[in-house]
Amino acid sequence: MEITVSGQHMLITEPLRSYATGKLSRLERHFDRVTITNVVLHVEKNRHNAEATIHAKGATLHAHAEGESMYAAIDFLADKLDRQVLKHKEKIKINHRRIRKS
């Protein structure tokens, strides 16, 4: 899985990049068909925002999260994407079961 971390109007430090990469790499545990993940981090006034788009086989998932700090925003983002990936994986399982029964 290729993870790209970029900042919008901010400098991305190496600890922040490695933290985001580490958190989002856990998505591969649930769904190994994730190919590219793009993460955009930005700050608006006192809000730290994190957005991500995941390109997987059969779907494109998008999530947005904000938090008190950039690390908290990345945590919320990883949790949201984790739920979306599990939901997508479950949909695929259900569709395969329907095809086999027919």
PDB file of N, CA and C in Angstrom:
ATOM      1  N   MET A   1       0.850  -1.173   0.000  1.00  0.00           N
ATOM      2  CA  MET A   1       0.000   0.000   0.000  1.00  0.00           C
ATOM      3  C   MET A   1       0.895   1.235   0.000  1.00  0.00           C
ATOM      4  N   GLU A   2       0.577   2.160  -0.864  1.00  0.00           N
ATOM      5  CA  GLU A   2       1.325   3.411  -0.976  1.00  0.00           C
ATOM      6  C   GLU A   2       0.571   4.501  -0.221  1.00  0.00           C
ATOM      7  N   ILE A   3       1.229   5.123   0.765  1.00  0.00           N
ATOM      8  CA  ILE A   3       0.617   6.177   1.565  1.00  0.00           C
ATOM      9  C   ILE A   3       1.341   7.485   1.282  1.00  0.00           C
ATOM     10  N   THR A   4       0.581   8.496   0.855  1.00  0.00           N
ATOM     11  CA  THR A   4       1.130   9.820   0.576  1.00  0.00           C
ATOM     12  C   THR A   4       0.556  10.797   1.590  1.00  0.00           C
ATOM     13  N   VAL A   5       1.427  11.452   2.345  1.00  0.00           N
ATOM     14  CA  VAL A   5       1.005  12.433   3.344  1.00  0.00           C
ATOM     15  C   VAL A   5       1.469  13.801   2.870  1.00  0.00           C
ATOM     16  N   SER A   6       0.524  14.734   2.755  1.00  0.00           N
ATOM     17  CA  SER A   6       0.870  16.086   2.320  1.00  0.00           C
ATOM     18  C   SER A   6       0.178  17.097   3.219  1.00  0.00           C
ATOM     19  N   GLY A   7       0.699  18.304   3.212  1.00  0.00           N
ATOM     20  CA  GLY A   7       0.133  19.371   4.025  1.00  0.00           C
ATOM     21  C   GLY A   7      -0.353  20.503   3.158  1.00  0.00           C
ATOM     22  N   GLN A   8      -1.433  21.106   3.582  1.00  0.00           N
ATOM     23  CA  GLN A   8      -1.984  22.242   2.856  1.00  0.00           C
ATOM     24  C   GLN A   8      -1.701  23.484   3.699  1.00  0.00           C
ATOM     25  N   HIS A   9      -0.808  24.333   3.220  1.00  0.00           N
ATOM     26  CA  HIS A   9      -0.395  25.546   3.922  1.00  0.00           C
ATOM     27  C   HIS A   9       0.295  25.237   5.250  1.00  0.00           C
ATOM     28  N   MET A  10       0.978  24.111   5.331  1.00  0.00           N
ATOM     29  CA  MET A  10       1.738  23.775   6.534  1.00  0.00           C
ATOM     30  C   MET A  10       2.858  22.814   6.169  1.00  0.00           C
ATOM     31  N   LEU A  11       3.868  22.792   6.997  1.00  0.00           N
ATOM     32  CA  LEU A  11       5.008  21.917   6.791  1.00  0.00           C
ATOM     33  C   LEU A  11       4.765  20.607   7.534  1.00  0.00           C
ATOM     34  N   ILE A  12       4.928  19.504   6.861  1.00  0.00           N
ATOM     35  CA  ILE A  12       4.745  18.190   7.477  1.00  0.00           C
ATOM     36  C   ILE A  12       6.100  17.724   7.997  1.00  0.00           C
ATOM     37  N   THR A  13       6.200  17.563   9.310  1.00  0.00           N
ATOM     38  CA  THR A  13       7.445  17.092   9.908  1.00  0.00           C
ATOM     39  C   THR A  13       7.539  15.581   9.765  1.00  0.00           C
ATOM     40  N   GLU A  14       8.735  15.070   9.901  1.00  0.00           N
ATOM     41  CA  GLU A  14       8.944  13.629   9.758  1.00  0.00           C
ATOM     42  C   GLU A  14       8.222  12.825  10.849  1.00  0.00           C
ATOM     43  N   PRO A  15       8.212  13.266  12.134  1.00  0.00           N
ATOM     44  CA  PRO A  15       7.433  12.510  13.132  1.00  0.00           C
ATOM     45  C   PRO A  15       5.933  12.462  12.808  1.00  0.00           C
ATOM     46  N   LEU A  16       5.399  13.562  12.295  1.00  0.00           N
ATOM     47  CA  LEU A  16       3.980  13.602  11.926  1.00  0.00           C
ATOM     48  C   LEU A  16       3.706  12.676  10.747  1.00  0.00           C
ATOM     49  N   ARG A  17       4.604  12.667   9.767  1.00  0.00           N
ATOM     50  CA  ARG A  17       4.456  11.796   8.598  1.00  0.00           C
ATOM     51  C   ARG A  17       4.525  10.320   9.008  1.00  0.00           C
ATOM     52  N   SER A  18       5.468   9.977   9.872  1.00  0.00           N
ATOM     53  CA  SER A  18       5.596   8.577  10.290  1.00  0.00           C
ATOM     54  C   SER A  18       4.424   8.154  11.170  1.00  0.00           C
ATOM     55  N   TYR A  19       3.886   9.075  11.979  1.00  0.00           N
ATOM     56  CA  TYR A  19       2.717   8.757  12.804  1.00  0.00           C
ATOM     57  C   TYR A  19       1.503   8.462  11.923  1.00  0.00           C
ATOM     58  N   ALA A  20       1.264   9.316  10.930  1.00  0.00           N
ATOM     59  CA  ALA A  20       0.129   9.112  10.024  1.00  0.00           C
ATOM     60  C   ALA A  20       0.300   7.825   9.222  1.00  0.00           C
ATOM     61  N   THR A  21       1.501   7.571   8.753  1.00  0.00           N
ATOM     62  CA  THR A  21       1.760   6.353   7.986  1.00  0.00           C
ATOM     63  C   THR A  21       1.550   5.113   8.843  1.00  0.00           C
ATOM     64  N   GLY A  22       2.010   5.162  10.082  1.00  0.00           N
ATOM     65  CA  GLY A  22       1.835   4.026  10.986  1.00  0.00           C
ATOM     66  C   GLY A  22       0.376   3.752  11.306  1.00  0.00           C
ATOM     67  N   LYS A  23      -0.378   4.808  11.557  1.00  0.00           N
ATOM     68  CA  LYS A  23      -1.798   4.641  11.880  1.00  0.00           C
ATOM     69  C   LYS A  23      -2.593   4.102  10.694  1.00  0.00           C
ATOM     70  N   LEU A  24      -2.306   4.599   9.499  1.00  0.00           N
ATOM     71  CA  LEU A  24      -3.090   4.190   8.341  1.00  0.00           C
ATOM     72  C   LEU A  24      -2.619   2.874   7.732  1.00  0.00           C
ATOM     73  N   SER A  25      -1.438   2.441   8.078  1.00  0.00           N
ATOM     74  CA  SER A  25      -0.971   1.157   7.548  1.00  0.00           C
ATOM     75  C   SER A  25      -1.719  -0.011   8.183  1.00  0.00           C
ATOM     76  N   ARG A  26      -2.386   0.228   9.313  1.00  0.00           N
ATOM     77  CA  ARG A  26      -3.152  -0.852   9.943  1.00  0.00           C
ATOM     78  C   ARG A  26      -4.395  -1.234   9.140  1.00  0.00           C
ATOM     79  N   LEU A  27      -4.766  -0.400   8.157  1.00  0.00           N
ATOM     80  CA  LEU A  27      -5.919  -0.724   7.320  1.00  0.00           C
ATOM     81  C   LEU A  27      -5.675  -1.979   6.495  1.00  0.00           C
ATOM     82  N   GLU A  28      -4.418  -2.272   6.228  1.00  0.00           N
ATOM     83  CA  GLU A  28      -4.086  -3.464   5.447  1.00  0.00           C
ATOM     84  C   GLU A  28      -4.416  -4.747   6.198  1.00  0.00           C
ATOM     85  N   ARG A  29      -4.509  -4.675   7.521  1.00  0.00           N
ATOM     86  CA  ARG A  29      -4.864  -5.870   8.296  1.00  0.00           C
ATOM     87  C   ARG A  29      -6.261  -6.363   7.924  1.00  0.00           C
ATOM     88  N   HIS A  30      -7.156  -5.418   7.670  1.00  0.00           N
ATOM     89  CA  HIS A  30      -8.543  -5.773   7.403  1.00  0.00           C
ATOM     90  C   HIS A  30      -8.826  -6.012   5.928  1.00  0.00           C
ATOM     91  N   PHE A  31      -8.144  -5.275   5.082  1.00  0.00           N
ATOM     92  CA  PHE A  31      -8.470  -5.331   3.659  1.00  0.00           C
ATOM     93  C   PHE A  31      -7.183  -5.153   2.876  1.00  0.00           C
ATOM     94  N   ASP A  32      -6.721  -6.206   2.243  1.00  0.00           N
ATOM     95  CA  ASP A  32      -5.427  -6.165   1.569  1.00  0.00           C
ATOM     96  C   ASP A  32      -5.497  -5.614   0.149  1.00  0.00           C
ATOM     97  N   ARG A  33      -6.658  -5.194  -0.303  1.00  0.00           N
ATOM     98  CA  ARG A  33      -6.805  -4.677  -1.666  1.00  0.00           C
ATOM     99  C   ARG A  33      -6.675  -3.160  -1.749  1.00  0.00           C
ATOM    100  N   VAL A  34      -6.233  -2.527  -0.668  1.00  0.00           N
ATOM    101  CA  VAL A  34      -6.007  -1.085  -0.675  1.00  0.00           C
ATOM    102  C   VAL A  34      -4.720  -0.813  -1.441  1.00  0.00           C
ATOM    103  N   THR A  35      -4.793   0.046  -2.455  1.00  0.00           N
ATOM    104  CA  THR A  35      -3.614   0.297  -3.278  1.00  0.00           C
ATOM    105  C   THR A  35      -2.956   1.633  -2.954  1.00  0.00           C
ATOM    106  N   ILE A  36      -3.731   2.706  -2.932  1.00  0.00           N
ATOM    107  CA  ILE A  36      -3.170   4.044  -2.718  1.00  0.00           C
ATOM    108  C   ILE A  36      -3.987   4.765  -1.651  1.00  0.00           C
ATOM    109  N   THR A  37      -3.293   5.438  -0.736  1.00  0.00           N
ATOM    110  CA  THR A  37      -3.941   6.253   0.281  1.00  0.00           C
ATOM    111  C   THR A  37      -3.325   7.646   0.237  1.00  0.00           C
ATOM    112  N   ASN A  38      -4.156   8.647   0.032  1.00  0.00           N
ATOM    113  CA  ASN A  38      -3.709  10.045   0.021  1.00  0.00           C
ATOM    114  C   ASN A  38      -4.238  10.733   1.267  1.00  0.00           C
ATOM    115  N   VAL A  39      -3.349  11.339   2.048  1.00  0.00           N
ATOM    116  CA  VAL A  39      -3.718  12.027   3.283  1.00  0.00           C
ATOM    117  C   VAL A  39      -3.333  13.494   3.142  1.00  0.00           C
ATOM    118  N   VAL A  40      -4.273  14.377   3.475  1.00  0.00           N
ATOM    119  CA  VAL A  40      -4.018  15.819   3.439  1.00  0.00           C
ATOM    120  C   VAL A  40      -4.284  16.365   4.837  1.00  0.00           C
ATOM    121  N   LEU A  41      -3.289  17.035   5.399  1.00  0.00           N
ATOM    122  CA  LEU A  41      -3.400  17.629   6.731  1.00  0.00           C
ATOM    123  C   LEU A  41      -3.386  19.145   6.586  1.00  0.00           C
ATOM    124  N   HIS A  42      -4.256  19.832   7.329  1.00  0.00           N
ATOM    125  CA  HIS A  42      -4.255  21.293   7.291  1.00  0.00           C
ATOM    126  C   HIS A  42      -4.847  21.850   8.569  1.00  0.00           C
ATOM    127  N   VAL A  43      -4.526  23.111   8.841  1.00  0.00           N
ATOM    128  CA  VAL A  43      -4.981  23.799  10.051  1.00  0.00           C
ATOM    129  C   VAL A  43      -5.779  25.021   9.627  1.00  0.00           C
ATOM    130  N   GLU A  44      -6.967  25.170  10.221  1.00  0.00           N
ATOM    131  CA  GLU A  44      -7.803  26.352  10.012  1.00  0.00           C
ATOM    132  C   GLU A  44      -8.111  26.945  11.376  1.00  0.00           C
ATOM    133  N   LYS A  45      -7.575  28.107  11.645  1.00  0.00           N
ATOM    134  CA  LYS A  45      -7.693  28.767  12.948  1.00  0.00           C
ATOM    135  C   LYS A  45      -7.228  27.803  14.034  1.00  0.00           C
ATOM    136  N   ASN A  46      -8.104  27.315  14.891  1.00  0.00           N
ATOM    137  CA  ASN A  46      -7.700  26.399  15.964  1.00  0.00           C
ATOM    138  C   ASN A  46      -8.084  24.955  15.681  1.00  0.00           C
ATOM    139  N   ARG A  47      -8.551  24.684  14.480  1.00  0.00           N
ATOM    140  CA  ARG A  47      -8.982  23.329  14.138  1.00  0.00           C
ATOM    141  C   ARG A  47      -7.913  22.631  13.312  1.00  0.00           C
ATOM    142  N   HIS A  48      -7.557  21.450  13.742  1.00  0.00           N
ATOM    143  CA  HIS A  48      -6.607  20.621  13.002  1.00  0.00           C
ATOM    144  C   HIS A  48      -7.416  19.598  12.217  1.00  0.00           C
ATOM    145  N   ASN A  49      -7.290  19.617  10.903  1.00  0.00           N
ATOM    146  CA  ASN A  49      -8.086  18.758  10.033  1.00  0.00           C
ATOM    147  C   ASN A  49      -7.213  17.735   9.330  1.00  0.00           C
ATOM    148  N   ALA A  50      -7.778  16.559   9.157  1.00  0.00           N
ATOM    149  CA  ALA A  50      -7.112  15.495   8.404  1.00  0.00           C
ATOM    150  C   ALA A  50      -8.139  14.892   7.459  1.00  0.00           C
ATOM    151  N   GLU A  51      -7.764  14.746   6.204  1.00  0.00           N
ATOM    152  CA  GLU A  51      -8.626  14.138   5.194  1.00  0.00           C
ATOM    153  C   GLU A  51      -7.852  13.029   4.511  1.00  0.00           C
ATOM    154  N   ALA A  52      -8.560  11.997   4.122  1.00  0.00           N
ATOM    155  CA  ALA A  52      -7.897  10.899   3.416  1.00  0.00           C
ATOM    156  C   ALA A  52      -8.826  10.322   2.367  1.00  0.00           C
ATOM    157  N   THR A  53      -8.226   9.887   1.285  1.00  0.00           N
ATOM    158  CA  THR A  53      -8.927   9.183   0.221  1.00  0.00           C
ATOM    159  C   THR A  53      -8.199   7.874  -0.007  1.00  0.00           C
ATOM    160  N   ILE A  54      -8.949   6.790   0.042  1.00  0.00           N
ATOM    161  CA  ILE A  54      -8.375   5.457  -0.153  1.00  0.00           C
ATOM    162  C   ILE A  54      -8.890   4.910  -1.470  1.00  0.00           C
ATOM    163  N   HIS A  55      -7.981   4.483  -2.297  1.00  0.00           N
ATOM    164  CA  HIS A  55      -8.336   3.821  -3.548  1.00  0.00           C
ATOM    165  C   HIS A  55      -8.102   2.329  -3.343  1.00  0.00           C
ATOM    166  N   ALA A  56      -9.183   1.584  -3.360  1.00  0.00           N
ATOM    167  CA  ALA A  56      -9.102   0.138  -3.190  1.00  0.00           C
ATOM    168  C   ALA A  56      -9.761  -0.518  -4.389  1.00  0.00           C
ATOM    169  N   LYS A  57      -9.544  -1.792  -4.514  1.00  0.00           N
ATOM    170  CA  LYS A  57     -10.155  -2.521  -5.616  1.00  0.00           C
ATOM    171  C   LYS A  57     -11.666  -2.543  -5.401  1.00  0.00           C
ATOM    172  N   GLY A  58     -12.387  -1.885  -6.282  1.00  0.00           N
ATOM    173  CA  GLY A  58     -13.840  -1.883  -6.208  1.00  0.00           C
ATOM    174  C   GLY A  58     -14.448  -0.707  -5.480  1.00  0.00           C
ATOM    175  N   ALA A  59     -13.636   0.182  -4.888  1.00  0.00           N
ATOM    176  CA  ALA A  59     -14.220   1.299  -4.149  1.00  0.00           C
ATOM    177  C   ALA A  59     -13.197   2.405  -3.942  1.00  0.00           C
ATOM    178  N   THR A  60     -13.729   3.607  -3.738  1.00  0.00           N
ATOM    179  CA  THR A  60     -12.926   4.746  -3.315  1.00  0.00           C
ATOM    180  C   THR A  60     -13.577   5.281  -2.055  1.00  0.00           C
ATOM    181  N   LEU A  61     -12.847   5.263  -0.953  1.00  0.00           N
ATOM    182  CA  LEU A  61     -13.377   5.680   0.342  1.00  0.00           C
ATOM    183  C   LEU A  61     -12.761   7.017   0.726  1.00  0.00           C
ATOM    184  N   HIS A  62     -13.565   7.876   1.350  1.00  0.00           N
ATOM    185  CA  HIS A  62     -13.095   9.200   1.749  1.00  0.00           C
ATOM    186  C   HIS A  62     -13.553   9.474   3.176  1.00  0.00           C
ATOM    187  N   ALA A  63     -12.687  10.111   3.964  1.00  0.00           N
ATOM    188  CA  ALA A  63     -13.048  10.467   5.337  1.00  0.00           C
ATOM    189  C   ALA A  63     -12.400  11.797   5.700  1.00  0.00           C
ATOM    190  N   HIS A  64     -13.035  12.480   6.645  1.00  0.00           N
ATOM    191  CA  HIS A  64     -12.550  13.765   7.141  1.00  0.00           C
ATOM    192  C   HIS A  64     -12.687  13.744   8.657  1.00  0.00           C
ATOM    193  N   ALA A  65     -11.668  14.248   9.358  1.00  0.00           N
ATOM    194  CA  ALA A  65     -11.720  14.303  10.820  1.00  0.00           C
ATOM    195  C   ALA A  65     -11.013  15.561  11.295  1.00  0.00           C
ATOM    196  N   GLU A  66     -11.442  16.044  12.456  1.00  0.00           N
ATOM    197  CA  GLU A  66     -10.763  17.185  13.054  1.00  0.00           C
ATOM    198  C   GLU A  66     -10.596  16.927  14.539  1.00  0.00           C
ATOM    199  N   GLY A  67      -9.582  17.557  15.116  1.00  0.00           N
ATOM    200  CA  GLY A  67      -9.297  17.333  16.524  1.00  0.00           C
ATOM    201  C   GLY A  67      -8.570  18.509  17.149  1.00  0.00           C
ATOM    202  N   GLU A  68      -8.289  18.366  18.447  1.00  0.00           N
ATOM    203  CA  GLU A  68      -7.590  19.399  19.203  1.00  0.00           C
ATOM    204  C   GLU A  68      -6.152  19.567  18.720  1.00  0.00           C
ATOM    205  N   SER A  69      -5.543  18.449  18.344  1.00  0.00           N
ATOM    206  CA  SER A  69      -4.183  18.478  17.807  1.00  0.00           C
ATOM    207  C   SER A  69      -4.166  17.676  16.513  1.00  0.00           C
ATOM    208  N   MET A  70      -3.083  17.762  15.788  1.00  0.00           N
ATOM    209  CA  MET A  70      -2.991  17.030  14.530  1.00  0.00           C
ATOM    210  C   MET A  70      -2.951  15.527  14.789  1.00  0.00           C
ATOM    211  N   TYR A  71      -2.316  15.130  15.882  1.00  0.00           N
ATOM    212  CA  TYR A  71      -2.245  13.707  16.215  1.00  0.00           C
ATOM    213  C   TYR A  71      -3.632  13.152  16.548  1.00  0.00           C
ATOM    214  N   ALA A  72      -4.449  13.944  17.252  1.00  0.00           N
ATOM    215  CA  ALA A  72      -5.818  13.519  17.561  1.00  0.00           C
ATOM    216  C   ALA A  72      -6.651  13.424  16.286  1.00  0.00           C
ATOM    217  N   ALA A  73      -6.470  14.361  15.371  1.00  0.00           N
ATOM    218  CA  ALA A  73      -7.202  14.329  14.101  1.00  0.00           C
ATOM    219  C   ALA A  73      -6.826  13.088  13.300  1.00  0.00           C
ATOM    220  N   ILE A  74      -5.551  12.722  13.311  1.00  0.00           N
ATOM    221  CA  ILE A  74      -5.111  11.519  12.601  1.00  0.00           C
ATOM    222  C   ILE A  74      -5.708  10.276  13.248  1.00  0.00           C
ATOM    223  N   ASP A  75      -5.784  10.253  14.588  1.00  0.00           N
ATOM    224  CA  ASP A  75      -6.404   9.118  15.282  1.00  0.00           C
ATOM    225  C   ASP A  75      -7.871   8.964  14.883  1.00  0.00           C
ATOM    226  N   PHE A  76      -8.620  10.072  14.894  1.00  0.00           N
ATOM    227  CA  PHE A  76     -10.031  10.023  14.510  1.00  0.00           C
ATOM    228  C   PHE A  76     -10.184   9.580  13.057  1.00  0.00           C
ATOM    229  N   LEU A  77      -9.308  10.075  12.203  1.00  0.00           N
ATOM    230  CA  LEU A  77      -9.344   9.715  10.788  1.00  0.00           C
ATOM    231  C   LEU A  77      -9.093   8.223  10.600  1.00  0.00           C
ATOM    232  N   ALA A  78      -8.112   7.691  11.293  1.00  0.00           N
ATOM    233  CA  ALA A  78      -7.796   6.263  11.175  1.00  0.00           C
ATOM    234  C   ALA A  78      -8.970   5.410  11.644  1.00  0.00           C
ATOM    235  N   ASP A  79      -9.643   5.831  12.714  1.00  0.00           N
ATOM    236  CA  ASP A  79     -10.804   5.082  13.199  1.00  0.00           C
ATOM    237  C   ASP A  79     -11.945   5.107  12.187  1.00  0.00           C
ATOM    238  N   LYS A  80     -12.204   6.273  11.599  1.00  0.00           N
ATOM    239  CA  LYS A  80     -13.269   6.375  10.593  1.00  0.00           C
ATOM    240  C   LYS A  80     -12.975   5.499   9.381  1.00  0.00           C
ATOM    241  N   LEU A  81     -11.741   5.557   8.904  1.00  0.00           N
ATOM    242  CA  LEU A  81     -11.378   4.754   7.736  1.00  0.00           C
ATOM    243  C   LEU A  81     -11.416   3.271   8.054  1.00  0.00           C
ATOM    244  N   ASP A  82     -11.052   2.913   9.269  1.00  0.00           N
ATOM    245  CA  ASP A  82     -11.099   1.513   9.685  1.00  0.00           C
ATOM    246  C   ASP A  82     -12.532   0.990   9.607  1.00  0.00           C
ATOM    247  N   ARG A  83     -13.478   1.772  10.105  1.00  0.00           N
ATOM    248  CA  ARG A  83     -14.886   1.364  10.041  1.00  0.00           C
ATOM    249  C   ARG A  83     -15.370   1.264   8.598  1.00  0.00           C
ATOM    250  N   GLN A  84     -14.967   2.216   7.755  1.00  0.00           N
ATOM    251  CA  GLN A  84     -15.396   2.191   6.355  1.00  0.00           C
ATOM    252  C   GLN A  84     -14.832   0.984   5.619  1.00  0.00           C
ATOM    253  N   VAL A  85     -13.573   0.661   5.884  1.00  0.00           N
ATOM    254  CA  VAL A  85     -12.951  -0.485   5.221  1.00  0.00           C
ATOM    255  C   VAL A  85     -13.632  -1.779   5.650  1.00  0.00           C
ATOM    256  N   LEU A  86     -13.931  -1.916   6.948  1.00  0.00           N
ATOM    257  CA  LEU A  86     -14.626  -3.117   7.416  1.00  0.00           C
ATOM    258  C   LEU A  86     -16.021  -3.226   6.802  1.00  0.00           C
ATOM    259  N   LYS A  87     -16.722  -2.103   6.681  1.00  0.00           N
ATOM    260  CA  LYS A  87     -18.053  -2.107   6.076  1.00  0.00           C
ATOM    261  C   LYS A  87     -17.975  -2.508   4.603  1.00  0.00           C
ATOM    262  N   HIS A  88     -16.984  -1.996   3.892  1.00  0.00           N
ATOM    263  CA  HIS A  88     -16.806  -2.349   2.476  1.00  0.00           C
ATOM    264  C   HIS A  88     -16.466  -3.831   2.336  1.00  0.00           C
ATOM    265  N   LYS A  89     -15.632  -4.327   3.210  1.00  0.00           N
ATOM    266  CA  LYS A  89     -15.252  -5.741   3.170  1.00  0.00           C
ATOM    267  C   LYS A  89     -16.473  -6.630   3.417  1.00  0.00           C
ATOM    268  N   GLU A  90     -17.324  -6.219   4.340  1.00  0.00           N
ATOM    269  CA  GLU A  90     -18.533  -6.989   4.636  1.00  0.00           C
ATOM    270  C   GLU A  90     -19.488  -6.978   3.443  1.00  0.00           C
ATOM    271  N   LYS A  91     -19.598  -5.847   2.748  1.00  0.00           N
ATOM    272  CA  LYS A  91     -20.440  -5.780   1.552  1.00  0.00           C
ATOM    273  C   LYS A  91     -19.952  -6.748   0.485  1.00  0.00           C
ATOM    274  N   ILE A  92     -18.649  -6.821   0.322  1.00  0.00           N
ATOM    275  CA  ILE A  92     -18.086  -7.740  -0.669  1.00  0.00           C
ATOM    276  C   ILE A  92     -18.411  -9.182  -0.305  1.00  0.00           C
ATOM    277  N   LYS A  93     -18.300  -9.522   0.980  1.00  0.00           N
ATOM    278  CA  LYS A  93     -18.619 -10.885   1.426  1.00  0.00           C
ATOM    279  C   LYS A  93     -20.079 -11.225   1.140  1.00  0.00           C
ATOM    280  N   ILE A  94     -20.972 -10.289   1.453  1.00  0.00           N
ATOM    281  CA  ILE A  94     -22.405 -10.528   1.246  1.00  0.00           C
ATOM    282  C   ILE A  94     -22.699 -10.722  -0.233  1.00  0.00           C
ATOM    283  N   ASN A  95     -22.107  -9.907  -1.088  1.00  0.00           N
ATOM    284  CA  ASN A  95     -22.344 -10.036  -2.525  1.00  0.00           C
ATOM    285  C   ASN A  95     -21.819 -11.354  -3.062  1.00  0.00           C
ATOM    286  N   HIS A  96     -20.692 -11.824  -2.567  1.00  0.00           N
ATOM    287  CA  HIS A  96     -20.158 -13.104  -3.026  1.00  0.00           C
ATOM    288  C   HIS A  96     -21.055 -14.260  -2.582  1.00  0.00           C
ATOM    289  N   ARG A  97     -21.637 -14.143  -1.399  1.00  0.00           N
ATOM    290  CA  ARG A  97     -22.552 -15.190  -0.926  1.00  0.00           C
ATOM    291  C   ARG A  97     -23.799 -15.247  -1.801  1.00  0.00           C
ATOM    292  N   ARG A  98     -24.307 -14.083  -2.190  1.00  0.00           N
ATOM    293  CA  ARG A  98     -25.501 -14.048  -3.037  1.00  0.00           C
ATOM    294  C   ARG A  98     -25.218 -14.665  -4.400  1.00  0.00           C
ATOM    295  N   ILE A  99     -24.055 -14.406  -4.931  1.00  0.00           N
ATOM    296  CA  ILE A  99     -23.700 -14.950  -6.246  1.00  0.00           C
ATOM    297  C   ILE A  99     -23.590 -16.461  -6.183  1.00  0.00           C
ATOM    298  N   ARG A 100     -23.009 -17.002  -5.139  1.00  0.00           N
ATOM    299  CA  ARG A 100     -22.845 -18.449  -5.021  1.00  0.00           C
ATOM    300  C   ARG A 100     -24.182 -19.172  -4.881  1.00  0.00           C
ATOM    301  N   LYS A 101     -25.130 -18.566  -4.156  1.00  0.00           N
ATOM    302  CA  LYS A 101     -26.420 -19.216  -3.934  1.00  0.00           C
ATOM    303  C   LYS A 101     -27.253 -19.281  -5.204  1.00  0.00           C
ATOM    304  N   SER A 102     -27.066 -18.361  -6.091  1.00  0.00           N
ATOM    305  CA  SER A 102     -27.880 -18.307  -7.310  1.00  0.00           C
ATOM    306  C   SER A 102     -27.601 -19.441  -8.241  1.00  0.00           C
TER     307      SER A 102
END
